[in-house]
C-alpha atoms as a PDB file:
ATOM      1  CA  UNK A   1     -40.933  25.929  66.106  1.00  0.00           C
ATOM      2  CA  UNK A   2     -37.783  27.512  67.530  1.00  0.00           C
ATOM      3  CA  UNK A   3     -37.927  25.449  70.708  1.00  0.00           C
ATOM      4  CA  UNK A   4     -38.316  22.196  68.771  1.00  0.00           C
ATOM      5  CA  UNK A   5     -35.412  22.882  66.423  1.00  0.00           C
ATOM      6  CA  UNK A   6     -33.237  23.992  69.352  1.00  0.00           C
ATOM      7  CA  UNK A   7     -34.019  20.730  71.141  1.00  0.00           C
ATOM      8  CA  UNK A   8     -33.048  18.702  68.068  1.00  0.00           C
ATOM      9  CA  UNK A   9     -29.809  20.687  67.693  1.00  0.00           C
ATOM     10  CA  UNK A  10     -28.917  20.087  71.343  1.00  0.00           C
ATOM     11  CA  UNK A  11     -29.672  16.380  71.108  1.00  0.00           C
ATOM     12  CA  UNK A  12     -27.563  16.170  67.945  1.00  0.00           C
ATOM     13  CA  UNK A  13     -24.632  17.958  69.630  1.00  0.00           C
ATOM     14  CA  UNK A  14     -24.620  15.655  72.666  1.00  0.00           C
ATOM     15  CA  UNK A  15     -25.581  12.438  70.892  1.00  0.00           C
ATOM     16  CA  UNK A  16     -24.604  12.675  67.207  1.00  0.00           C
ATOM     17  CA  UNK A  17     -24.996   8.939  66.637  1.00  0.00           C
ATOM     18  CA  UNK A  18     -28.561   8.710  67.980  1.00  0.00           C
ATOM     19  CA  UNK A  19     -31.467   8.569  65.535  1.00  0.00           C
ATOM     20  CA  UNK A  20     -33.958  11.344  66.189  1.00  0.00           C
ATOM     21  CA  UNK A  21     -37.629  11.089  65.277  1.00  0.00           C
ATOM     22  CA  UNK A  22     -39.557  14.341  65.438  1.00  0.00           C
ATOM     23  CA  UNK A  23     -43.242  14.453  66.355  1.00  0.00           C
ATOM     24  CA  UNK A  24     -45.682  17.263  65.786  1.00  0.00           C
ATOM     25  CA  UNK A  25     -49.259  17.852  66.819  1.00  0.00           C
ATOM     26  CA  UNK A  26     -49.474  20.836  64.491  1.00  0.00           C
ATOM     27  CA  UNK A  27     -51.484  20.373  61.291  1.00  0.00           C
ATOM     28  CA  UNK A  28     -48.983  22.464  59.271  1.00  0.00           C
ATOM     29  CA  UNK A  29     -45.738  20.488  59.365  1.00  0.00           C
ATOM     30  CA  UNK A  30     -44.225  21.883  56.152  1.00  0.00           C
ATOM     31  CA  UNK A  31     -41.726  24.257  57.777  1.00  0.00           C
ATOM     32  CA  UNK A  32     -41.041  21.853  60.618  1.00  0.00           C
ATOM     33  CA  UNK A  33     -40.382  19.027  58.141  1.00  0.00           C
ATOM     34  CA  UNK A  34     -37.951  21.219  56.212  1.00  0.00           C
ATOM     35  CA  UNK A  35     -36.021  22.154  59.364  1.00  0.00           C
ATOM     36  CA  UNK A  36     -35.919  18.592  60.682  1.00  0.00           C
ATOM     37  CA  UNK A  37     -34.539  17.329  57.375  1.00  0.00           C
ATOM     38  CA  UNK A  38     -31.695  19.836  57.601  1.00  0.00           C
ATOM     39  CA  UNK A  39     -30.970  18.699  61.162  1.00  0.00           C
ATOM     40  CA  UNK A  40     -30.702  15.059  60.109  1.00  0.00           C
ATOM     41  CA  UNK A  41     -33.745  13.561  61.784  1.00  0.00           C
ATOM     42  CA  UNK A  42     -34.800  10.075  60.748  1.00  0.00           C
ATOM     43  CA  UNK A  43     -38.395  11.093  60.240  1.00  0.00           C
ATOM     44  CA  UNK A  44     -41.352  13.049  61.455  1.00  0.00           C
ATOM     45  CA  UNK A  45     -44.604  11.736  62.801  1.00  0.00           C
ATOM     46  CA  UNK A  46     -47.697  13.894  62.824  1.00  0.00           C
ATOM     47  CA  UNK A  47     -49.983  13.207  65.766  1.00  0.00           C
ATOM     48  CA  UNK A  48     -52.162  11.265  65.835  1.00  0.00           C
ATOM     49  CA  UNK A  49     -50.149   8.717  63.914  1.00  0.00           C
ATOM     50  CA  UNK A  50     -50.928   5.127  63.019  1.00  0.00           C
ATOM     51  CA  UNK A  51     -48.979   2.199  64.459  1.00  0.00           C
ATOM     52  CA  UNK A  52     -47.716   1.341  60.960  1.00  0.00           C
ATOM     53  CA  UNK A  53     -46.311   4.861  60.561  1.00  0.00           C
ATOM     54  CA  UNK A  54     -44.440   4.518  63.852  1.00  0.00           C
ATOM     55  CA  UNK A  55     -43.082   1.111  62.868  1.00  0.00           C
ATOM     56  CA  UNK A  56     -41.877   2.464  59.510  1.00  0.00           C
ATOM     57  CA  UNK A  57     -39.964   5.319  61.168  1.00  0.00           C
ATOM     58  CA  UNK A  58     -38.458   3.010  63.795  1.00  0.00           C
ATOM     59  CA  UNK A  59     -37.339   0.561  61.090  1.00  0.00           C
ATOM     60  CA  UNK A  60     -35.776   3.460  59.192  1.00  0.00           C
ATOM     61  CA  UNK A  61     -33.997   4.597  62.363  1.00  0.00           C
ATOM     62  CA  UNK A  62     -32.642   1.125  62.979  1.00  0.00           C
ATOM     63  CA  UNK A  63     -31.275   1.045  59.432  1.00  0.00           C
ATOM     64  CA  UNK A  64     -29.606   4.420  60.065  1.00  0.00           C
ATOM     65  CA  UNK A  65     -31.301   6.360  57.299  1.00  0.00           C
ATOM     66  CA  UNK A  66     -31.822  10.049  57.888  1.00  0.00           C
ATOM     67  CA  UNK A  67     -34.202  12.243  55.872  1.00  0.00           C
ATOM     68  CA  UNK A  68     -31.241  14.232  54.603  1.00  0.00           C
ATOM     69  CA  UNK A  69     -29.754  11.226  52.816  1.00  0.00           C
END
């Protein structure tokens, strides 16, 4: 969990305008989802995800909507 949130923080510091989509293979995404929302990610995908779920998150990213909004 720490590594993933550190990676998101670093990406956000270098590229604040870039939409970030988090992915997790862990069945328990509750804590991860909470942290990613605070870091301004566009969404989270839990693996394995469906093509429609990916498309929805990409569309959201293109519209510039973060989870925190």
